[in-house]
Every structure is written in structure tokens, then in C-alpha cells.
Amino acid sequence: MEEHNGDMAETGPNGPGSNPEAPTDVGVEPHETGGELVLEEAREEIVRLVTHPVEEIKRLEHVAEEGDSAATPLIIAVGVTAVLAVVFLVVLTVIMLVYYGT
């Protein structure tokens, strides 16, 4: 069994005398996970969609067709949700007009 002296307890990842709890990658961004990457890409898509909606819709259609982007599933899900919401609102409007219109 190994014995550790007091000097070894203070040895960090950068050698003796360094703090073992201090981060070694100061100034380096941590690696993003897949979820964080998708969220960041979705934020960028939303900003572009708000600033230039017509051009962005055309570009998003192209991106979704290619399927190379990490945000492709989100783009398709939002598109399907938007179409379903429009259909639902039209049907609801017709039902309300028929029910309350008579």
C-alpha cells in the first residue's frame, strides 16, 4: 500500500505546488454537448428569421432538404407545428362562425 506525504496532497495536474482544484483550461471554452449545439444553432436561426423572414424561410427549406445541419429536426418540427396550428385555427374559426353565426 502506498503512503502519501503532505507534499503529494498539494500536487495538482500541473505538478507540485499547483492547486488540484484550479481549472487547467483558463480561457478555453468547454466542449459543447449536442443539446447545447442545437440550442445555439436554433437561436441563430431565430435571429435570422426575425431579421429577414422571407430569405430565411427559403434558406431553411434548403437546409432542411439537405439534412446536414444539427437543427434540421427542429426546423422540420417547427414547420409541421406551424402548419398544424394554421389548420387548427382555420377549423376553429369555421366552427365558431357556424355555431355563433346562427
Protein backbone atom coordinates (compact mmCIF):
# COMPACT_ATOMS: atom_id res chain seq x y z
CA MET A 1 0.00 0.00 0.00
CA GLU A 2 1.34 3.44 -0.93
CA GLU A 3 1.77 6.14 1.60
CA HIS A 4 1.20 9.75 0.68
CA ASN A 5 3.05 12.55 2.33
CA GLY A 6 1.78 16.11 2.72
CA ASP A 7 3.59 17.28 -0.43
CA MET A 8 1.72 14.83 -2.63
CA ALA A 9 -1.66 16.14 -1.41
CA GLU A 10 -0.80 19.56 -2.81
CA THR A 11 0.25 18.24 -6.20
CA GLY A 12 -2.17 19.29 -8.87
CA PRO A 13 -2.49 18.39 -12.55
CA ASN A 14 0.29 20.84 -13.41
CA GLY A 15 2.85 19.42 -10.97
CA PRO A 16 3.90 20.12 -7.39
CA GLY A 17 2.65 23.32 -5.89
CA SER A 18 -0.27 23.75 -8.26
CA ASN A 19 -3.80 23.77 -6.93
CA PRO A 20 -5.51 20.44 -7.77
CA GLU A 21 -8.93 22.13 -7.87
CA ALA A 22 -7.91 25.01 -10.14
CA PRO A 23 -9.11 24.75 -13.73
CA THR A 24 -6.32 23.96 -16.16
CA ASP A 25 -8.09 25.38 -19.25
CA VAL A 26 -8.43 29.00 -18.23
CA GLY A 27 -9.71 30.99 -21.21
CA VAL A 28 -10.68 27.90 -23.19
CA GLU A 29 -14.37 27.30 -23.78
CA PRO A 30 -15.65 23.92 -22.60
CA HIS A 31 -16.75 21.46 -25.26
CA GLU A 32 -20.40 21.90 -26.07
CA THR A 33 -22.73 18.95 -25.87
CA GLY A 34 -25.06 18.05 -28.72
CA GLY A 35 -28.02 19.71 -26.99
CA GLU A 36 -26.15 22.95 -26.46
CA LEU A 37 -25.05 22.94 -30.08
CA VAL A 38 -28.64 22.53 -31.29
CA LEU A 39 -29.86 25.30 -28.99
CA GLU A 40 -27.15 27.68 -30.17
CA GLU A 41 -27.93 26.92 -33.81
CA ALA A 42 -31.66 27.34 -33.15
CA ARG A 43 -31.02 30.76 -31.55
CA GLU A 44 -29.09 31.83 -34.63
CA GLU A 45 -31.89 30.59 -36.90
CA ILE A 46 -34.49 32.56 -34.91
CA VAL A 47 -32.44 35.75 -35.06
CA ARG A 48 -32.08 35.41 -38.82
CA LEU A 49 -35.77 34.54 -39.19
CA VAL A 50 -36.82 37.68 -37.31
CA THR A 51 -34.45 39.98 -39.19
CA HIS A 52 -35.02 38.63 -42.74
CA PRO A 53 -38.09 36.34 -42.72
CA VAL A 54 -38.61 35.67 -46.46
CA GLU A 55 -34.96 34.96 -47.25
CA GLU A 56 -34.59 32.88 -44.08
CA ILE A 57 -37.60 30.69 -44.85
CA LYS A 58 -36.15 29.92 -48.28
CA ARG A 59 -32.77 29.15 -46.71
CA LEU A 60 -34.31 26.96 -44.00
CA GLU A 61 -36.19 24.96 -46.63
CA HIS A 62 -32.87 24.32 -48.35
CA VAL A 63 -31.16 23.40 -45.05
CA ALA A 64 -33.97 21.00 -44.13
CA GLU A 65 -33.79 19.34 -47.56
CA GLU A 66 -30.04 18.76 -47.20
CA GLY A 67 -30.33 17.47 -43.62
CA ASP A 68 -26.70 18.30 -42.78
CA SER A 69 -27.48 20.78 -40.00
CA ALA A 70 -27.89 19.80 -36.35
CA ALA A 71 -31.03 21.95 -36.29
CA THR A 72 -32.75 20.08 -39.17
CA PRO A 73 -35.10 18.09 -36.89
CA LEU A 74 -36.02 21.28 -35.06
CA ILE A 75 -36.66 23.14 -38.32
CA ILE A 76 -38.95 20.36 -39.54
CA ALA A 77 -40.76 20.13 -36.18
CA VAL A 78 -41.38 23.88 -36.10
CA GLY A 79 -42.60 23.83 -39.70
CA VAL A 80 -45.02 20.97 -39.06
CA THR A 81 -46.23 22.64 -35.86
CA ALA A 82 -46.83 25.94 -37.68
CA VAL A 83 -48.84 24.23 -40.45
CA LEU A 84 -50.90 22.29 -37.91
CA ALA A 85 -51.54 25.47 -35.90
CA VAL A 86 -52.81 27.29 -39.00
CA VAL A 87 -55.10 24.38 -39.91
CA PHE A 88 -56.39 24.20 -36.33
CA LEU A 89 -57.11 27.94 -36.24
CA VAL A 90 -58.96 27.84 -39.56
CA VAL A 91 -61.10 24.88 -38.43
CA LEU A 92 -61.76 26.52 -35.06
CA THR A 93 -62.77 29.77 -36.78
CA VAL A 94 -65.20 27.93 -39.07
CA ILE A 95 -66.71 26.05 -36.12
CA MET A 96 -67.14 29.27 -34.12
CA LEU A 97 -68.72 31.07 -37.09
CA VAL A 98 -71.16 28.23 -37.69
CA TYR A 99 -72.05 27.85 -34.01
CA TYR A 100 -72.39 31.53 -33.09
CA GLY A 101 -73.35 32.81 -36.54
CA THR A 102 -76.84 31.29 -36.50
